[in-house]
Amino acid sequence: MGSNDQSNSINVLVAFAMPKNQKVIELSVDPASTVAQIVEQSKISGFFPDFDFSAPKVGIFNRSVKLTDTCRDGDRIEVYRPLIADPKEARAKRAQKAIDEGRANKITGGRLSPEQKKPN
């Protein structure tokens, strides 16, 4: 068995997405590699020059992990972009808009009741 022996490696995916494009890279890595090392090894940063990959938020299958964590065979590392809007603030704005438009209902939480859905 030569130096290309793949029995001592695991297969992982590295994924990143922008609003209009995404990239998923599959690679074989040493099982001791950290998430940060794998992201760097994937060279995904070359596809998105406007994003800073130096210390991104990351997850494995939608669960947040640390850059120092390791992976298991078949894991998908996801590199996350910062949130543009605070989710709580966005929900509050939607709720206020529903109130302003007369769509909000304290009992149904803003959903129309069956009586309200019927045409007059």
PDB file of N, CA and C in Angstrom:
ATOM      1  N   MET A   1       0.847  -1.179   0.000  1.00  0.00           N
ATOM      2  CA  MET A   1       0.000   0.000   0.000  1.00  0.00           C
ATOM      3  C   MET A   1       0.884   1.231   0.000  1.00  0.00           C
ATOM      4  N   GLY A   2       0.633   2.124  -0.933  1.00  0.00           N
ATOM      5  CA  GLY A   2       1.469   3.302  -1.096  1.00  0.00           C
ATOM      6  C   GLY A   2       0.941   4.490  -0.325  1.00  0.00           C
ATOM      7  N   SER A   3       1.508   5.658  -0.619  1.00  0.00           N
ATOM      8  CA  SER A   3       1.140   6.877   0.083  1.00  0.00           C
ATOM      9  C   SER A   3      -0.254   7.367  -0.311  1.00  0.00           C
ATOM     10  N   ASN A   4      -0.825   6.802  -1.357  1.00  0.00           N
ATOM     11  CA  ASN A   4      -2.172   7.191  -1.782  1.00  0.00           C
ATOM     12  C   ASN A   4      -3.243   6.318  -1.148  1.00  0.00           C
ATOM     13  N   ASP A   5      -2.905   5.589  -0.091  1.00  0.00           N
ATOM     14  CA  ASP A   5      -3.852   4.720   0.582  1.00  0.00           C
ATOM     15  C   ASP A   5      -5.001   5.541   1.160  1.00  0.00           C
ATOM     16  N   GLN A   6      -6.218   5.347   0.650  1.00  0.00           N
ATOM     17  CA  GLN A   6      -7.381   6.124   1.057  1.00  0.00           C
ATOM     18  C   GLN A   6      -8.079   5.564   2.288  1.00  0.00           C
ATOM     19  N   SER A   7      -7.585   4.418   2.845  1.00  0.00           N
ATOM     20  CA  SER A   7      -8.243   3.839   4.001  1.00  0.00           C
ATOM     21  C   SER A   7      -8.074   4.701   5.249  1.00  0.00           C
ATOM     22  N   ASN A   8      -7.095   5.592   5.252  1.00  0.00           N
ATOM     23  CA  ASN A   8      -6.866   6.471   6.390  1.00  0.00           C
ATOM     24  C   ASN A   8      -7.426   7.866   6.142  1.00  0.00           C
ATOM     25  N   SER A   9      -8.432   7.978   5.304  1.00  0.00           N
ATOM     26  CA  SER A   9      -9.038   9.279   5.044  1.00  0.00           C
ATOM     27  C   SER A   9     -10.561   9.148   5.108  1.00  0.00           C
ATOM     28  N   ILE A  10     -11.209  10.292   5.255  1.00  0.00           N
ATOM     29  CA  ILE A  10     -12.674  10.338   5.256  1.00  0.00           C
ATOM     30  C   ILE A  10     -13.117  11.262   4.131  1.00  0.00           C
ATOM     31  N   ASN A  11     -14.319  11.032   3.651  1.00  0.00           N
ATOM     32  CA  ASN A  11     -14.888  11.878   2.600  1.00  0.00           C
ATOM     33  C   ASN A  11     -15.853  12.873   3.226  1.00  0.00           C
ATOM     34  N   VAL A  12     -15.690  14.143   2.898  1.00  0.00           N
ATOM     35  CA  VAL A  12     -16.548  15.199   3.426  1.00  0.00           C
ATOM     36  C   VAL A  12     -16.934  16.149   2.300  1.00  0.00           C
ATOM     37  N   LEU A  13     -17.956  16.938   2.569  1.00  0.00           N
ATOM     38  CA  LEU A  13     -18.368  17.997   1.646  1.00  0.00           C
ATOM     39  C   LEU A  13     -18.176  19.330   2.346  1.00  0.00           C
ATOM     40  N   VAL A  14     -17.813  20.342   1.592  1.00  0.00           N
ATOM     41  CA  VAL A  14     -17.757  21.712   2.094  1.00  0.00           C
ATOM     42  C   VAL A  14     -18.712  22.513   1.231  1.00  0.00           C
ATOM     43  N   ALA A  15     -19.673  23.187   1.882  1.00  0.00           N
ATOM     44  CA  ALA A  15     -20.711  23.913   1.146  1.00  0.00           C
ATOM     45  C   ALA A  15     -20.745  25.380   1.572  1.00  0.00           C
ATOM     46  N   PHE A  16     -20.971  26.250   0.584  1.00  0.00           N
ATOM     47  CA  PHE A  16     -21.145  27.676   0.843  1.00  0.00           C
ATOM     48  C   PHE A  16     -22.096  28.206  -0.206  1.00  0.00           C
ATOM     49  N   ALA A  17     -22.944  29.144   0.201  1.00  0.00           N
ATOM     50  CA  ALA A  17     -23.913  29.697  -0.751  1.00  0.00           C
ATOM     51  C   ALA A  17     -24.047  31.192  -0.569  1.00  0.00           C
ATOM     52  N   MET A  18     -24.156  31.869  -1.688  1.00  0.00           N
ATOM     53  CA  MET A  18     -24.505  33.284  -1.733  1.00  0.00           C
ATOM     54  C   MET A  18     -25.919  33.326  -2.318  1.00  0.00           C
ATOM     55  N   PRO A  19     -26.581  34.480  -2.302  1.00  0.00           N
ATOM     56  CA  PRO A  19     -27.961  34.520  -2.800  1.00  0.00           C
ATOM     57  C   PRO A  19     -28.128  33.986  -4.226  1.00  0.00           C
ATOM     58  N   LYS A  20     -27.133  34.179  -5.091  1.00  0.00           N
ATOM     59  CA  LYS A  20     -27.316  33.777  -6.492  1.00  0.00           C
ATOM     60  C   LYS A  20     -26.472  32.591  -6.929  1.00  0.00           C
ATOM     61  N   ASN A  21     -25.564  32.118  -6.087  1.00  0.00           N
ATOM     62  CA  ASN A  21     -24.787  30.938  -6.477  1.00  0.00           C
ATOM     63  C   ASN A  21     -24.306  30.182  -5.250  1.00  0.00           C
ATOM     64  N   GLN A  22     -24.026  28.917  -5.460  1.00  0.00           N
ATOM     65  CA  GLN A  22     -23.543  28.081  -4.371  1.00  0.00           C
ATOM     66  C   GLN A  22     -22.469  27.143  -4.898  1.00  0.00           C
ATOM     67  N   LYS A  23     -21.704  26.612  -3.971  1.00  0.00           N
ATOM     68  CA  LYS A  23     -20.654  25.669  -4.344  1.00  0.00           C
ATOM     69  C   LYS A  23     -20.573  24.599  -3.277  1.00  0.00           C
ATOM     70  N   VAL A  24     -20.487  23.354  -3.709  1.00  0.00           N
ATOM     71  CA  VAL A  24     -20.286  22.222  -2.814  1.00  0.00           C
ATOM     72  C   VAL A  24     -19.070  21.468  -3.344  1.00  0.00           C
ATOM     73  N   ILE A  25     -18.097  21.283  -2.478  1.00  0.00           N
ATOM     74  CA  ILE A  25     -16.858  20.628  -2.876  1.00  0.00           C
ATOM     75  C   ILE A  25     -16.697  19.348  -2.062  1.00  0.00           C
ATOM     76  N   GLU A  26     -16.448  18.259  -2.773  1.00  0.00           N
ATOM     77  CA  GLU A  26     -16.226  16.973  -2.111  1.00  0.00           C
ATOM     78  C   GLU A  26     -14.729  16.712  -2.061  1.00  0.00           C
ATOM     79  N   LEU A  27     -14.239  16.254  -0.906  1.00  0.00           N
ATOM     80  CA  LEU A  27     -12.826  15.930  -0.820  1.00  0.00           C
ATOM     81  C   LEU A  27     -12.565  14.863   0.235  1.00  0.00           C
ATOM     82  N   SER A  28     -11.416  14.210   0.099  1.00  0.00           N
ATOM     83  CA  SER A  28     -10.959  13.225   1.074  1.00  0.00           C
ATOM     84  C   SER A  28      -9.926  13.898   1.954  1.00  0.00           C
ATOM     85  N   VAL A  29     -10.085  13.729   3.264  1.00  0.00           N
ATOM     86  CA  VAL A  29      -9.188  14.393   4.208  1.00  0.00           C
ATOM     87  C   VAL A  29      -8.757  13.425   5.303  1.00  0.00           C
ATOM     88  N   ASP A  30      -7.725  13.808   6.010  1.00  0.00           N
ATOM     89  CA  ASP A  30      -7.267  13.051   7.177  1.00  0.00           C
ATOM     90  C   ASP A  30      -8.331  13.183   8.262  1.00  0.00           C
ATOM     91  N   PRO A  31      -8.709  12.099   8.938  1.00  0.00           N
ATOM     92  CA  PRO A  31      -9.745  12.167   9.969  1.00  0.00           C
ATOM     93  C   PRO A  31      -9.401  13.125  11.112  1.00  0.00           C
ATOM     94  N   ALA A  32      -8.122  13.433  11.306  1.00  0.00           N
ATOM     95  CA  ALA A  32      -7.710  14.345  12.378  1.00  0.00           C
ATOM     96  C   ALA A  32      -7.807  15.810  11.961  1.00  0.00           C
ATOM     97  N   SER A  33      -8.149  16.080  10.714  1.00  0.00           N
ATOM     98  CA  SER A  33      -8.243  17.459  10.229  1.00  0.00           C
ATOM     99  C   SER A  33      -9.364  18.202  10.944  1.00  0.00           C
ATOM    100  N   THR A  34      -9.101  19.460  11.268  1.00  0.00           N
ATOM    101  CA  THR A  34     -10.143  20.289  11.878  1.00  0.00           C
ATOM    102  C   THR A  34     -11.039  20.851  10.784  1.00  0.00           C
ATOM    103  N   VAL A  35     -12.192  21.353  11.192  1.00  0.00           N
ATOM    104  CA  VAL A  35     -13.118  21.978  10.243  1.00  0.00           C
ATOM    105  C   VAL A  35     -12.410  23.129   9.518  1.00  0.00           C
ATOM    106  N   ALA A  36     -11.660  23.940  10.253  1.00  0.00           N
ATOM    107  CA  ALA A  36     -10.935  25.062   9.632  1.00  0.00           C
ATOM    108  C   ALA A  36      -9.952  24.566   8.573  1.00  0.00           C
ATOM    109  N   GLN A  37      -9.218  23.504   8.880  1.00  0.00           N
ATOM    110  CA  GLN A  37      -8.252  22.948   7.924  1.00  0.00           C
ATOM    111  C   GLN A  37      -8.955  22.411   6.679  1.00  0.00           C
ATOM    112  N   ILE A  38     -10.096  21.780   6.878  1.00  0.00           N
ATOM    113  CA  ILE A  38     -10.833  21.213   5.744  1.00  0.00           C
ATOM    114  C   ILE A  38     -11.382  22.329   4.854  1.00  0.00           C
ATOM    115  N   VAL A  39     -11.935  23.381   5.465  1.00  0.00           N
ATOM    116  CA  VAL A  39     -12.450  24.507   4.667  1.00  0.00           C
ATOM    117  C   VAL A  39     -11.307  25.106   3.852  1.00  0.00           C
ATOM    118  N   GLU A  40     -10.150  25.277   4.480  1.00  0.00           N
ATOM    119  CA  GLU A  40      -9.000  25.833   3.761  1.00  0.00           C
ATOM    120  C   GLU A  40      -8.548  24.892   2.642  1.00  0.00           C
ATOM    121  N   GLN A  41      -8.500  23.591   2.948  1.00  0.00           N
ATOM    122  CA  GLN A  41      -8.065  22.607   1.955  1.00  0.00           C
ATOM    123  C   GLN A  41      -9.018  22.553   0.759  1.00  0.00           C
ATOM    124  N   SER A  42     -10.302  22.838   0.991  1.00  0.00           N
ATOM    125  CA  SER A  42     -11.285  22.780  -0.097  1.00  0.00           C
ATOM    126  C   SER A  42     -11.068  23.872  -1.138  1.00  0.00           C
ATOM    127  N   LYS A  43     -10.369  24.944  -0.746  1.00  0.00           N
ATOM    128  CA  LYS A  43     -10.125  26.098  -1.618  1.00  0.00           C
ATOM    129  C   LYS A  43     -11.426  26.757  -2.076  1.00  0.00           C
ATOM    130  N   ILE A  44     -12.488  26.603  -1.269  1.00  0.00           N
ATOM    131  CA  ILE A  44     -13.784  27.187  -1.617  1.00  0.00           C
ATOM    132  C   ILE A  44     -13.707  28.708  -1.651  1.00  0.00           C
ATOM    133  N   SER A  45     -12.774  29.281  -0.901  1.00  0.00           N
ATOM    134  CA  SER A  45     -12.643  30.739  -0.873  1.00  0.00           C
ATOM    135  C   SER A  45     -12.325  31.312  -2.249  1.00  0.00           C
ATOM    136  N   GLY A  46     -11.696  30.524  -3.098  1.00  0.00           N
ATOM    137  CA  GLY A  46     -11.375  30.984  -4.452  1.00  0.00           C
ATOM    138  C   GLY A  46     -12.602  31.235  -5.310  1.00  0.00           C
ATOM    139  N   PHE A  47     -13.727  30.624  -4.971  1.00  0.00           N
ATOM    140  CA  PHE A  47     -14.966  30.805  -5.729  1.00  0.00           C
ATOM    141  C   PHE A  47     -15.748  32.025  -5.255  1.00  0.00           C
ATOM    142  N   PHE A  48     -15.424  32.533  -4.051  1.00  0.00           N
ATOM    143  CA  PHE A  48     -16.159  33.656  -3.461  1.00  0.00           C
ATOM    144  C   PHE A  48     -15.151  34.672  -2.909  1.00  0.00           C
ATOM    145  N   PRO A  49     -14.475  35.409  -3.796  1.00  0.00           N
ATOM    146  CA  PRO A  49     -13.414  36.313  -3.346  1.00  0.00           C
ATOM    147  C   PRO A  49     -13.897  37.461  -2.453  1.00  0.00           C
ATOM    148  N   ASP A  50     -15.188  37.772  -2.464  1.00  0.00           N
ATOM    149  CA  ASP A  50     -15.698  38.880  -1.654  1.00  0.00           C
ATOM    150  C   ASP A  50     -16.063  38.471  -0.228  1.00  0.00           C
ATOM    151  N   PHE A  51     -15.944  37.178   0.096  1.00  0.00           N
ATOM    152  CA  PHE A  51     -16.296  36.708   1.437  1.00  0.00           C
ATOM    153  C   PHE A  51     -15.027  36.389   2.222  1.00  0.00           C
ATOM    154  N   ASP A  52     -14.998  36.769   3.490  1.00  0.00           N
ATOM    155  CA  ASP A  52     -13.835  36.519   4.347  1.00  0.00           C
ATOM    156  C   ASP A  52     -13.968  35.143   5.000  1.00  0.00           C
ATOM    157  N   PHE A  53     -13.179  34.206   4.533  1.00  0.00           N
ATOM    158  CA  PHE A  53     -13.213  32.838   5.055  1.00  0.00           C
ATOM    159  C   PHE A  53     -12.220  32.618   6.197  1.00  0.00           C
ATOM    160  N   SER A  54     -11.622  33.689   6.738  1.00  0.00           N
ATOM    161  CA  SER A  54     -10.578  33.521   7.745  1.00  0.00           C
ATOM    162  C   SER A  54     -11.105  32.960   9.067  1.00  0.00           C
ATOM    163  N   ALA A  55     -12.316  33.325   9.472  1.00  0.00           N
ATOM    164  CA  ALA A  55     -12.887  32.798  10.726  1.00  0.00           C
ATOM    165  C   ALA A  55     -14.410  32.771  10.620  1.00  0.00           C
ATOM    166  N   PRO A  56     -14.936  31.987   9.670  1.00  0.00           N
ATOM    167  CA  PRO A  56     -16.391  31.991   9.463  1.00  0.00           C
ATOM    168  C   PRO A  56     -17.135  31.180  10.511  1.00  0.00           C
ATOM    169  N   LYS A  57     -18.429  31.421  10.620  1.00  0.00           N
ATOM    170  CA  LYS A  57     -19.311  30.547  11.401  1.00  0.00           C
ATOM    171  C   LYS A  57     -19.518  29.304  10.550  1.00  0.00           C
ATOM    172  N   VAL A  58     -19.485  28.132  11.186  1.00  0.00           N
ATOM    173  CA  VAL A  58     -19.608  26.881  10.442  1.00  0.00           C
ATOM    174  C   VAL A  58     -20.547  25.927  11.162  1.00  0.00           C
ATOM    175  N   GLY A  59     -21.027  24.954  10.405  1.00  0.00           N
ATOM    176  CA  GLY A  59     -21.866  23.914  10.963  1.00  0.00           C
ATOM    177  C   GLY A  59     -21.661  22.625  10.200  1.00  0.00           C
ATOM    178  N   ILE A  60     -22.121  21.549  10.797  1.00  0.00           N
ATOM    179  CA  ILE A  60     -22.133  20.249  10.126  1.00  0.00           C
ATOM    180  C   ILE A  60     -23.582  19.799  10.122  1.00  0.00           C
ATOM    181  N   PHE A  61     -24.137  19.639   8.941  1.00  0.00           N
ATOM    182  CA  PHE A  61     -25.549  19.284   8.775  1.00  0.00           C
ATOM    183  C   PHE A  61     -26.447  20.195   9.616  1.00  0.00           C
ATOM    184  N   ASN A  62     -26.237  21.492   9.490  1.00  0.00           N
ATOM    185  CA  ASN A  62     -27.080  22.521  10.109  1.00  0.00           C
ATOM    186  C   ASN A  62     -26.953  22.602  11.628  1.00  0.00           C
ATOM    187  N   ARG A  63     -25.915  22.007  12.202  1.00  0.00           N
ATOM    188  CA  ARG A  63     -25.636  22.141  13.636  1.00  0.00           C
ATOM    189  C   ARG A  63     -24.336  22.901  13.788  1.00  0.00           C
ATOM    190  N   SER A  64     -24.358  23.993  14.535  1.00  0.00           N
ATOM    191  CA  SER A  64     -23.152  24.799  14.710  1.00  0.00           C
ATOM    192  C   SER A  64     -22.036  23.975  15.334  1.00  0.00           C
ATOM    193  N   VAL A  65     -20.832  24.166  14.802  1.00  0.00           N
ATOM    194  CA  VAL A  65     -19.642  23.515  15.343  1.00  0.00           C
ATOM    195  C   VAL A  65     -18.527  24.551  15.418  1.00  0.00           C
ATOM    196  N   LYS A  66     -17.461  24.183  16.108  1.00  0.00           N
ATOM    197  CA  LYS A  66     -16.294  25.062  16.203  1.00  0.00           C
ATOM    198  C   LYS A  66     -15.339  24.749  15.066  1.00  0.00           C
ATOM    199  N   LEU A  67     -14.544  25.741  14.690  1.00  0.00           N
ATOM    200  CA  LEU A  67     -13.544  25.535  13.648  1.00  0.00           C
ATOM    201  C   LEU A  67     -12.500  24.507  14.068  1.00  0.00           C
ATOM    202  N   THR A  68     -12.378  24.259  15.356  1.00  0.00           N
ATOM    203  CA  THR A  68     -11.397  23.293  15.865  1.00  0.00           C
ATOM    204  C   THR A  68     -11.951  21.871  15.952  1.00  0.00           C
ATOM    205  N   ASP A  69     -13.248  21.695  15.685  1.00  0.00           N
ATOM    206  CA  ASP A  69     -13.853  20.360  15.715  1.00  0.00           C
ATOM    207  C   ASP A  69     -13.366  19.524  14.535  1.00  0.00           C
ATOM    208  N   THR A  70     -13.510  18.213  14.670  1.00  0.00           N
ATOM    209  CA  THR A  70     -13.171  17.298  13.576  1.00  0.00           C
ATOM    210  C   THR A  70     -14.461  16.741  12.987  1.00  0.00           C
ATOM    211  N   CYS A  71     -14.335  16.051  11.879  1.00  0.00           N
ATOM    212  CA  CYS A  71     -15.501  15.526  11.152  1.00  0.00           C
ATOM    213  C   CYS A  71     -15.497  14.005  11.139  1.00  0.00           C
ATOM    214  N   ARG A  72     -16.632  13.473  10.724  1.00  0.00           N
ATOM    215  CA  ARG A  72     -16.760  12.033  10.479  1.00  0.00           C
ATOM    216  C   ARG A  72     -16.971  11.831   8.986  1.00  0.00           C
ATOM    217  N   ASP A  73     -16.748  10.628   8.539  1.00  0.00           N
ATOM    218  CA  ASP A  73     -16.935  10.290   7.131  1.00  0.00           C
ATOM    219  C   ASP A  73     -18.368  10.631   6.703  1.00  0.00           C
ATOM    220  N   GLY A  74     -18.500  11.355   5.602  1.00  0.00           N
ATOM    221  CA  GLY A  74     -19.808  11.703   5.063  1.00  0.00           C
ATOM    222  C   GLY A  74     -20.365  13.023   5.557  1.00  0.00           C
ATOM    223  N   ASP A  75     -19.670  13.701   6.478  1.00  0.00           N
ATOM    224  CA  ASP A  75     -20.169  14.988   6.988  1.00  0.00           C
ATOM    225  C   ASP A  75     -20.178  16.062   5.898  1.00  0.00           C
ATOM    226  N   ARG A  76     -21.119  17.001   6.057  1.00  0.00           N
ATOM    227  CA  ARG A  76     -21.187  18.166   5.161  1.00  0.00           C
ATOM    228  C   ARG A  76     -20.919  19.398   6.014  1.00  0.00           C
ATOM    229  N   ILE A  77     -19.790  20.031   5.772  1.00  0.00           N
ATOM    230  CA  ILE A  77     -19.446  21.262   6.481  1.00  0.00           C
ATOM    231  C   ILE A  77     -20.111  22.413   5.738  1.00  0.00           C
ATOM    232  N   GLU A  78     -20.854  23.230   6.474  1.00  0.00           N
ATOM    233  CA  GLU A  78     -21.525  24.380   5.880  1.00  0.00           C
ATOM    234  C   GLU A  78     -20.885  25.645   6.422  1.00  0.00           C
ATOM    235  N   VAL A  79     -20.478  26.528   5.538  1.00  0.00           N
ATOM    236  CA  VAL A  79     -19.915  27.815   5.935  1.00  0.00           C
ATOM    237  C   VAL A  79     -21.059  28.821   5.852  1.00  0.00           C
ATOM    238  N   TYR A  80     -21.307  29.515   6.970  1.00  0.00           N
ATOM    239  CA  TYR A  80     -22.450  30.420   7.043  1.00  0.00           C
ATOM    240  C   TYR A  80     -22.048  31.869   6.829  1.00  0.00           C
ATOM    241  N   ARG A  81     -22.899  32.593   6.133  1.00  0.00           N
ATOM    242  CA  ARG A  81     -22.736  34.042   5.984  1.00  0.00           C
ATOM    243  C   ARG A  81     -23.371  34.711   7.193  1.00  0.00           C
ATOM    244  N   PRO A  82     -22.908  35.921   7.538  1.00  0.00           N
ATOM    245  CA  PRO A  82     -23.562  36.629   8.644  1.00  0.00           C
ATOM    246  C   PRO A  82     -25.001  36.977   8.264  1.00  0.00           C
ATOM    247  N   LEU A  83     -25.869  37.034   9.253  1.00  0.00           N
ATOM    248  CA  LEU A  83     -27.255  37.420   8.994  1.00  0.00           C
ATOM    249  C   LEU A  83     -27.311  38.894   8.620  1.00  0.00           C
ATOM    250  N   ILE A  84     -28.111  39.206   7.616  1.00  0.00           N
ATOM    251  CA  ILE A  84     -28.284  40.597   7.203  1.00  0.00           C
ATOM    252  C   ILE A  84     -29.278  41.278   8.136  1.00  0.00           C
ATOM    253  N   ALA A  85     -30.304  40.565   8.543  1.00  0.00           N
ATOM    254  CA  ALA A  85     -31.330  41.129   9.423  1.00  0.00           C
ATOM    255  C   ALA A  85     -31.503  40.230  10.635  1.00  0.00           C
ATOM    256  N   ASP A  86     -31.789  40.844  11.772  1.00  0.00           N
ATOM    257  CA  ASP A  86     -32.074  40.096  12.990  1.00  0.00           C
ATOM    258  C   ASP A  86     -33.428  39.404  12.816  1.00  0.00           C
ATOM    259  N   PRO A  87     -33.508  38.075  12.986  1.00  0.00           N
ATOM    260  CA  PRO A  87     -34.773  37.365  12.770  1.00  0.00           C
ATOM    261  C   PRO A  87     -35.919  37.897  13.631  1.00  0.00           C
ATOM    262  N   LYS A  88     -35.638  38.258  14.882  1.00  0.00           N
ATOM    263  CA  LYS A  88     -36.693  38.782  15.752  1.00  0.00           C
ATOM    264  C   LYS A  88     -37.205  40.120  15.229  1.00  0.00           C
ATOM    265  N   GLU A  89     -36.284  40.953  14.778  1.00  0.00           N
ATOM    266  CA  GLU A  89     -36.666  42.263  14.243  1.00  0.00           C
ATOM    267  C   GLU A  89     -37.490  42.108  12.967  1.00  0.00           C
ATOM    268  N   ALA A  90     -37.085  41.174  12.098  1.00  0.00           N
ATOM    269  CA  ALA A  90     -37.816  40.947  10.850  1.00  0.00           C
ATOM    270  C   ALA A  90     -39.235  40.447  11.140  1.00  0.00           C
ATOM    271  N   ARG A  91     -39.372  39.557  12.128  1.00  0.00           N
ATOM    272  CA  ARG A  91     -40.700  39.045  12.491  1.00  0.00           C
ATOM    273  C   ARG A  91     -41.569  40.171  13.047  1.00  0.00           C
ATOM    274  N   ALA A  92     -40.988  41.033  13.872  1.00  0.00           N
ATOM    275  CA  ALA A  92     -41.738  42.155  14.434  1.00  0.00           C
ATOM    276  C   ALA A  92     -42.223  43.096  13.330  1.00  0.00           C
ATOM    277  N   LYS A  93     -41.379  43.317  12.322  1.00  0.00           N
ATOM    278  CA  LYS A  93     -41.779  44.173  11.188  1.00  0.00           C
ATOM    279  C   LYS A  93     -42.930  43.541  10.408  1.00  0.00           C
ATOM    280  N   ARG A  94     -42.871  42.216  10.196  1.00  0.00           N
ATOM    281  CA  ARG A  94     -43.963  41.530   9.486  1.00  0.00           C
ATOM    282  C   ARG A  94     -45.256  41.610  10.290  1.00  0.00           C
ATOM    283  N   ALA A  95     -45.142  41.454  11.608  1.00  0.00           N
ATOM    284  CA  ALA A  95     -46.332  41.526  12.465  1.00  0.00           C
ATOM    285  C   ALA A  95     -46.930  42.927  12.429  1.00  0.00           C
ATOM    286  N   GLN A  96     -46.091  43.943  12.486  1.00  0.00           N
ATOM    287  CA  GLN A  96     -46.586  45.319  12.435  1.00  0.00           C
ATOM    288  C   GLN A  96     -47.248  45.600  11.088  1.00  0.00           C
ATOM    289  N   LYS A  97     -46.677  45.073  10.019  1.00  0.00           N
ATOM    290  CA  LYS A  97     -47.270  45.268   8.691  1.00  0.00           C
ATOM    291  C   LYS A  97     -48.656  44.620   8.633  1.00  0.00           C
ATOM    292  N   ALA A  98     -48.789  43.429   9.231  1.00  0.00           N
ATOM    293  CA  ALA A  98     -50.090  42.753   9.252  1.00  0.00           C
ATOM    294  C   ALA A  98     -51.105  43.576  10.039  1.00  0.00           C
ATOM    295  N   ILE A  99     -50.661  44.173  11.148  1.00  0.00           N
ATOM    296  CA  ILE A  99     -51.559  45.024  11.929  1.00  0.00           C
ATOM    297  C   ILE A  99     -51.976  46.234  11.100  1.00  0.00           C
ATOM    298  N   ASP A 100     -51.006  46.877  10.446  1.00  0.00           N
ATOM    299  CA  ASP A 100     -51.273  48.067   9.638  1.00  0.00           C
ATOM    300  C   ASP A 100     -52.232  47.762   8.486  1.00  0.00           C
ATOM    301  N   GLU A 101     -52.150  46.558   7.946  1.00  0.00           N
ATOM    302  CA  GLU A 101     -53.003  46.173   6.816  1.00  0.00           C
ATOM    303  C   GLU A 101     -54.308  45.535   7.271  1.00  0.00           C
ATOM    304  N   GLY A 102     -54.522  45.437   8.576  1.00  0.00           N
ATOM    305  CA  GLY A 102     -55.758  44.864   9.090  1.00  0.00           C
ATOM    306  C   GLY A 102     -55.828  43.361   8.977  1.00  0.00           C
ATOM    307  N   ARG A 103     -54.678  42.707   8.820  1.00  0.00           N
ATOM    308  CA  ARG A 103     -54.659  41.249   8.690  1.00  0.00           C
ATOM    309  C   ARG A 103     -54.401  40.551  10.012  1.00  0.00           C
ATOM    310  N   ALA A 104     -53.974  41.278  11.040  1.00  0.00           N
ATOM    311  CA  ALA A 104     -53.617  40.655  12.312  1.00  0.00           C
ATOM    312  C   ALA A 104     -54.855  40.339  13.128  1.00  0.00           C
ATOM    313  N   ASN A 105     -54.797  39.238  13.837  1.00  0.00           N
ATOM    314  CA  ASN A 105     -55.896  38.806  14.678  1.00  0.00           C
ATOM    315  C   ASN A 105     -55.281  38.180  15.920  1.00  0.00           C
ATOM    316  N   LYS A 106     -55.601  38.710  17.100  1.00  0.00           N
ATOM    317  CA  LYS A 106     -54.977  38.216  18.329  1.00  0.00           C
ATOM    318  C   LYS A 106     -55.260  36.738  18.567  1.00  0.00           C
ATOM    319  N   ILE A 107     -56.418  36.269  18.203  1.00  0.00           N
ATOM    320  CA  ILE A 107     -56.790  34.876  18.459  1.00  0.00           C
ATOM    321  C   ILE A 107     -56.067  33.923  17.520  1.00  0.00           C
ATOM    322  N   THR A 108     -56.005  34.261  16.253  1.00  0.00           N
ATOM    323  CA  THR A 108     -55.408  33.349  15.276  1.00  0.00           C
ATOM    324  C   THR A 108     -53.937  33.648  15.012  1.00  0.00           C
ATOM    325  N   GLY A 109     -53.408  34.703  15.626  1.00  0.00           N
ATOM    326  CA  GLY A 109     -52.005  35.034  15.400  1.00  0.00           C
ATOM    327  C   GLY A 109     -51.747  35.610  14.026  1.00  0.00           C
ATOM    328  N   GLY A 110     -52.751  36.205  13.429  1.00  0.00           N
ATOM    329  CA  GLY A 110     -52.562  36.838  12.126  1.00  0.00           C
ATOM    330  C   GLY A 110     -53.134  36.032  10.980  1.00  0.00           C
ATOM    331  N   ARG A 111     -53.436  34.744  11.238  1.00  0.00           N
ATOM    332  CA  ARG A 111     -54.022  33.924  10.168  1.00  0.00           C
ATOM    333  C   ARG A 111     -55.508  34.237  10.061  1.00  0.00           C
ATOM    334  N   LEU A 112     -56.033  34.154   8.885  1.00  0.00           N
ATOM    335  CA  LEU A 112     -57.454  34.389   8.688  1.00  0.00           C
ATOM    336  C   LEU A 112     -58.262  33.197   9.176  1.00  0.00           C
ATOM    337  N   SER A 113     -59.354  33.481   9.843  1.00  0.00           N
ATOM    338  CA  SER A 113     -60.243  32.405  10.266  1.00  0.00           C
ATOM    339  C   SER A 113     -61.059  31.951   9.061  1.00  0.00           C
ATOM    340  N   PRO A 114     -61.699  30.783   9.122  1.00  0.00           N
ATOM    341  CA  PRO A 114     -62.509  30.301   7.976  1.00  0.00           C
ATOM    342  C   PRO A 114     -63.593  31.314   7.584  1.00  0.00           C
ATOM    343  N   GLU A 115     -64.167  32.005   8.571  1.00  0.00           N
ATOM    344  CA  GLU A 115     -65.198  32.986   8.257  1.00  0.00           C
ATOM    345  C   GLU A 115     -64.624  34.173   7.470  1.00  0.00           C
ATOM    346  N   GLN A 116     -63.390  34.549   7.803  1.00  0.00           N
ATOM    347  CA  GLN A 116     -62.767  35.683   7.117  1.00  0.00           C
ATOM    348  C   GLN A 116     -62.351  35.315   5.700  1.00  0.00           C
ATOM    349  N   LYS A 117     -62.113  34.028   5.434  1.00  0.00           N
ATOM    350  CA  LYS A 117     -61.684  33.600   4.119  1.00  0.00           C
ATOM    351  C   LYS A 117     -62.824  33.544   3.111  1.00  0.00           C
ATOM    352  N   LYS A 118     -64.070  33.383   3.603  1.00  0.00           N
ATOM    353  CA  LYS A 118     -65.216  33.247   2.700  1.00  0.00           C
ATOM    354  C   LYS A 118     -65.489  34.567   1.982  1.00  0.00           C
ATOM    355  N   PRO A 119     -65.683  34.503   0.664  1.00  0.00           N
ATOM    356  CA  PRO A 119     -66.005  35.746  -0.054  1.00  0.00           C
ATOM    357  C   PRO A 119     -67.413  36.231   0.343  1.00  0.00           C
ATOM    358  N   ASN A 120     -67.610  37.535   0.362  1.00  0.00           N
ATOM    359  CA  ASN A 120     -68.908  38.122   0.742  1.00  0.00           C
ATOM    360  C   ASN A 120     -69.900  38.045  -0.368  1.00  0.00           C
TER     361      ASN A 120
END
